[in-house]
């Protein structure tokens, strides 16, 4: 039984990365539309958490999760660019 739970851990980690990125992406979109300074700060913090979780997972990249991790990297990059541009305005 222990083997089964350890086999599910990478899926749970991938799922956590995906959920954090989806949440951060939504927050970035809302914040950049409103240009509310507090929302922008909260979105940047959510993105930082999602990025840190992604980077931790990326350090354990395998053939099974490489596609999802490459998609996650694109989302992180896009959101960072959006937040950066919004904070400059």
N, C-alpha and C. Protein backbone atom coordinates (compact mmCIF):
# COMPACT_ATOMS: atom_id res chain seq x y z
N UNK A 1 0.82 -1.19 0.00
CA UNK A 1 0.00 0.00 0.00
C UNK A 1 0.87 1.26 0.00
N UNK A 2 2.00 1.20 0.66
CA UNK A 2 2.90 2.34 0.68
C UNK A 2 3.37 2.69 -0.73
N UNK A 3 3.59 1.67 -1.53
CA UNK A 3 4.04 1.90 -2.90
C UNK A 3 3.01 2.70 -3.68
N UNK A 4 1.73 2.38 -3.51
CA UNK A 4 0.68 3.09 -4.23
C UNK A 4 0.62 4.56 -3.86
N UNK A 5 0.77 4.86 -2.58
CA UNK A 5 0.70 6.26 -2.18
C UNK A 5 1.90 7.05 -2.70
N UNK A 6 3.08 6.44 -2.75
CA UNK A 6 4.22 7.17 -3.29
C UNK A 6 4.10 7.33 -4.80
N UNK A 7 3.45 6.40 -5.45
CA UNK A 7 3.25 6.54 -6.89
C UNK A 7 2.29 7.69 -7.20
N UNK A 8 1.37 7.98 -6.30
CA UNK A 8 0.41 9.04 -6.57
C UNK A 8 0.97 10.42 -6.22
N UNK A 9 2.05 10.49 -5.47
CA UNK A 9 2.60 11.78 -5.08
C UNK A 9 2.98 12.67 -6.26
N UNK A 10 3.68 12.17 -7.29
CA UNK A 10 3.99 13.06 -8.41
C UNK A 10 2.73 13.62 -9.07
N UNK A 11 1.68 12.81 -9.16
CA UNK A 11 0.44 13.32 -9.74
C UNK A 11 -0.10 14.43 -8.87
N UNK A 12 -0.09 14.25 -7.56
CA UNK A 12 -0.59 15.27 -6.66
C UNK A 12 0.25 16.54 -6.76
N UNK A 13 1.56 16.39 -6.89
CA UNK A 13 2.42 17.56 -7.06
C UNK A 13 2.12 18.27 -8.37
N UNK A 14 1.95 17.51 -9.44
CA UNK A 14 1.60 18.11 -10.73
C UNK A 14 0.26 18.80 -10.66
N UNK A 15 -0.69 18.15 -10.01
CA UNK A 15 -2.01 18.74 -9.87
C UNK A 15 -1.94 20.03 -9.07
N UNK A 16 -1.13 20.05 -8.02
CA UNK A 16 -0.98 21.25 -7.20
C UNK A 16 -0.38 22.39 -8.04
N UNK A 17 0.64 22.09 -8.82
CA UNK A 17 1.24 23.10 -9.69
C UNK A 17 0.18 23.64 -10.65
N UNK A 18 -0.57 22.75 -11.25
CA UNK A 18 -1.59 23.16 -12.22
C UNK A 18 -2.64 24.05 -11.55
N UNK A 19 -3.12 23.67 -10.38
CA UNK A 19 -4.13 24.46 -9.69
C UNK A 19 -3.59 25.82 -9.26
N UNK A 20 -2.38 25.85 -8.75
CA UNK A 20 -1.77 27.13 -8.36
C UNK A 20 -1.59 28.04 -9.57
N UNK A 21 -1.17 27.47 -10.69
CA UNK A 21 -0.99 28.28 -11.89
C UNK A 21 -2.31 28.78 -12.44
N UNK A 22 -3.34 27.95 -12.41
CA UNK A 22 -4.65 28.39 -12.88
C UNK A 22 -5.17 29.54 -12.02
N UNK A 23 -5.00 29.41 -10.72
CA UNK A 23 -5.44 30.46 -9.81
C UNK A 23 -4.65 31.75 -10.04
N UNK A 24 -3.34 31.63 -10.13
CA UNK A 24 -2.49 32.81 -10.35
C UNK A 24 -2.81 33.46 -11.69
N UNK A 25 -3.02 32.65 -12.71
CA UNK A 25 -3.34 33.18 -14.04
C UNK A 25 -4.64 33.98 -13.99
N UNK A 26 -5.63 33.44 -13.30
CA UNK A 26 -6.91 34.15 -13.16
C UNK A 26 -6.72 35.46 -12.39
N UNK A 27 -5.96 35.40 -11.30
CA UNK A 27 -5.73 36.61 -10.50
C UNK A 27 -4.97 37.67 -11.29
N UNK A 28 -4.00 37.24 -12.07
CA UNK A 28 -3.24 38.18 -12.90
C UNK A 28 -4.17 38.84 -13.92
N UNK A 29 -5.02 38.04 -14.54
CA UNK A 29 -5.97 38.59 -15.51
C UNK A 29 -6.90 39.62 -14.89
N UNK A 30 -7.45 39.29 -13.74
CA UNK A 30 -8.36 40.21 -13.05
C UNK A 30 -7.62 41.48 -12.62
N UNK A 31 -6.43 41.31 -12.07
CA UNK A 31 -5.67 42.45 -11.58
C UNK A 31 -5.24 43.38 -12.70
N UNK A 32 -4.83 42.81 -13.83
CA UNK A 32 -4.38 43.66 -14.93
C UNK A 32 -5.54 44.36 -15.62
N UNK A 33 -6.73 43.79 -15.50
CA UNK A 33 -7.90 44.49 -16.05
C UNK A 33 -8.32 45.63 -15.13
N UNK A 34 -8.27 45.41 -13.83
CA UNK A 34 -8.71 46.44 -12.89
C UNK A 34 -7.63 47.48 -12.61
N UNK A 35 -6.37 47.05 -12.69
CA UNK A 35 -5.21 47.88 -12.38
C UNK A 35 -5.25 48.38 -10.93
N UNK A 36 -5.92 47.63 -10.08
CA UNK A 36 -5.99 47.93 -8.66
C UNK A 36 -4.65 47.53 -8.04
N UNK A 37 -3.96 48.46 -7.38
CA UNK A 37 -2.63 48.14 -6.82
C UNK A 37 -2.64 46.94 -5.86
N UNK A 38 -3.65 46.84 -5.02
CA UNK A 38 -3.70 45.72 -4.08
C UNK A 38 -3.90 44.40 -4.83
N UNK A 39 -4.77 44.40 -5.83
CA UNK A 39 -4.98 43.18 -6.62
C UNK A 39 -3.71 42.80 -7.38
N UNK A 40 -3.01 43.79 -7.90
CA UNK A 40 -1.76 43.51 -8.61
C UNK A 40 -0.74 42.88 -7.67
N UNK A 41 -0.65 43.41 -6.44
CA UNK A 41 0.29 42.86 -5.46
C UNK A 41 -0.09 41.43 -5.10
N UNK A 42 -1.38 41.19 -4.86
CA UNK A 42 -1.84 39.85 -4.50
C UNK A 42 -1.62 38.87 -5.66
N UNK A 43 -1.83 39.33 -6.89
CA UNK A 43 -1.60 38.48 -8.05
C UNK A 43 -0.11 38.15 -8.19
N UNK A 44 0.73 39.14 -7.94
CA UNK A 44 2.18 38.91 -8.01
C UNK A 44 2.61 37.89 -6.95
N UNK A 45 2.03 37.98 -5.76
CA UNK A 45 2.35 37.02 -4.69
C UNK A 45 1.86 35.61 -5.05
N UNK A 46 0.66 35.52 -5.61
CA UNK A 46 0.13 34.22 -6.03
C UNK A 46 1.00 33.62 -7.13
N UNK A 47 1.44 34.46 -8.04
CA UNK A 47 2.30 33.99 -9.12
C UNK A 47 3.65 33.54 -8.58
N UNK A 48 4.19 34.25 -7.61
CA UNK A 48 5.47 33.86 -7.00
C UNK A 48 5.36 32.49 -6.34
N UNK A 49 4.25 32.25 -5.65
CA UNK A 49 4.03 30.94 -5.02
C UNK A 49 3.91 29.85 -6.08
N UNK A 50 3.13 30.12 -7.12
CA UNK A 50 2.96 29.14 -8.19
C UNK A 50 4.29 28.86 -8.88
N UNK A 51 5.08 29.91 -9.11
CA UNK A 51 6.38 29.74 -9.77
C UNK A 51 7.33 28.92 -8.90
N UNK A 52 7.35 29.19 -7.60
CA UNK A 52 8.22 28.44 -6.70
C UNK A 52 7.84 26.97 -6.68
N UNK A 53 6.55 26.70 -6.67
CA UNK A 53 6.07 25.31 -6.69
C UNK A 53 6.42 24.65 -8.01
N UNK A 54 6.24 25.39 -9.11
CA UNK A 54 6.61 24.88 -10.43
C UNK A 54 8.10 24.56 -10.49
N UNK A 55 8.93 25.48 -9.99
CA UNK A 55 10.38 25.27 -10.06
C UNK A 55 10.81 24.06 -9.24
N UNK A 56 10.16 23.85 -8.12
CA UNK A 56 10.45 22.68 -7.31
C UNK A 56 10.10 21.41 -8.08
N UNK A 57 8.95 21.42 -8.75
CA UNK A 57 8.52 20.26 -9.52
C UNK A 57 9.41 20.08 -10.76
N UNK A 58 9.83 21.18 -11.36
CA UNK A 58 10.67 21.11 -12.56
C UNK A 58 12.02 20.47 -12.25
N UNK A 59 12.47 20.62 -11.01
CA UNK A 59 13.74 20.01 -10.64
C UNK A 59 13.63 18.49 -10.58
N UNK A 60 12.39 17.98 -10.60
CA UNK A 60 12.14 16.54 -10.57
C UNK A 60 11.51 16.07 -11.89
N UNK A 61 11.81 16.78 -12.97
CA UNK A 61 11.20 16.50 -14.27
C UNK A 61 11.49 15.07 -14.73
N UNK A 62 10.46 14.46 -15.28
CA UNK A 62 10.57 13.13 -15.87
C UNK A 62 9.93 13.17 -17.26
N UNK A 63 10.05 12.09 -17.99
CA UNK A 63 9.38 12.01 -19.28
C UNK A 63 7.87 12.14 -19.13
N UNK A 64 7.35 11.66 -18.01
CA UNK A 64 5.90 11.66 -17.79
C UNK A 64 5.35 13.06 -17.53
N UNK A 65 6.14 13.95 -16.94
CA UNK A 65 5.60 15.26 -16.61
C UNK A 65 6.22 16.40 -17.41
N UNK A 66 7.10 16.11 -18.35
CA UNK A 66 7.81 17.16 -19.06
C UNK A 66 6.89 18.04 -19.90
N UNK A 67 5.86 17.48 -20.52
CA UNK A 67 4.94 18.28 -21.34
C UNK A 67 4.18 19.26 -20.46
N UNK A 68 3.65 18.76 -19.34
CA UNK A 68 2.90 19.64 -18.44
C UNK A 68 3.80 20.73 -17.88
N UNK A 69 5.03 20.39 -17.57
CA UNK A 69 5.96 21.38 -17.03
C UNK A 69 6.32 22.43 -18.07
N UNK A 70 6.42 22.04 -19.32
CA UNK A 70 6.70 23.04 -20.36
C UNK A 70 5.52 23.98 -20.54
N UNK A 71 4.31 23.46 -20.42
CA UNK A 71 3.12 24.31 -20.48
C UNK A 71 3.10 25.25 -19.27
N UNK A 72 3.45 24.73 -18.11
CA UNK A 72 3.46 25.54 -16.89
C UNK A 72 4.47 26.67 -17.03
N UNK A 73 5.63 26.38 -17.61
CA UNK A 73 6.64 27.41 -17.80
C UNK A 73 6.13 28.54 -18.69
N UNK A 74 5.38 28.19 -19.73
CA UNK A 74 4.80 29.20 -20.62
C UNK A 74 3.81 30.09 -19.86
N UNK A 75 3.00 29.48 -19.00
CA UNK A 75 2.03 30.25 -18.22
C UNK A 75 2.75 31.19 -17.27
N UNK A 76 3.76 30.69 -16.59
CA UNK A 76 4.54 31.52 -15.66
C UNK A 76 5.14 32.70 -16.40
N UNK A 77 5.77 32.44 -17.52
CA UNK A 77 6.42 33.50 -18.31
C UNK A 77 5.40 34.55 -18.76
N UNK A 78 4.27 34.09 -19.27
CA UNK A 78 3.23 35.01 -19.76
C UNK A 78 2.69 35.87 -18.60
N UNK A 79 2.40 35.24 -17.47
CA UNK A 79 1.87 35.97 -16.32
C UNK A 79 2.88 36.95 -15.76
N UNK A 80 4.14 36.55 -15.70
CA UNK A 80 5.18 37.47 -15.23
C UNK A 80 5.26 38.70 -16.13
N UNK A 81 5.16 38.49 -17.41
CA UNK A 81 5.19 39.60 -18.35
C UNK A 81 3.99 40.53 -18.14
N UNK A 82 2.81 39.95 -17.97
CA UNK A 82 1.61 40.76 -17.76
C UNK A 82 1.73 41.59 -16.48
N UNK A 83 2.16 40.96 -15.39
CA UNK A 83 2.29 41.67 -14.12
C UNK A 83 3.34 42.76 -14.23
N UNK A 84 4.45 42.45 -14.85
CA UNK A 84 5.53 43.42 -15.01
C UNK A 84 5.05 44.66 -15.76
N UNK A 85 4.36 44.44 -16.87
CA UNK A 85 3.85 45.55 -17.66
C UNK A 85 2.82 46.36 -16.89
N UNK A 86 1.95 45.68 -16.15
CA UNK A 86 0.91 46.38 -15.38
C UNK A 86 1.53 47.21 -14.28
N UNK A 87 2.57 46.70 -13.63
CA UNK A 87 3.21 47.45 -12.55
C UNK A 87 3.98 48.66 -13.07
N UNK A 88 4.39 48.63 -14.32
CA UNK A 88 5.09 49.78 -14.92
C UNK A 88 4.12 50.93 -15.21
N UNK A 89 2.87 50.58 -15.48
CA UNK A 89 1.87 51.59 -15.88
C UNK A 89 1.50 52.52 -14.75
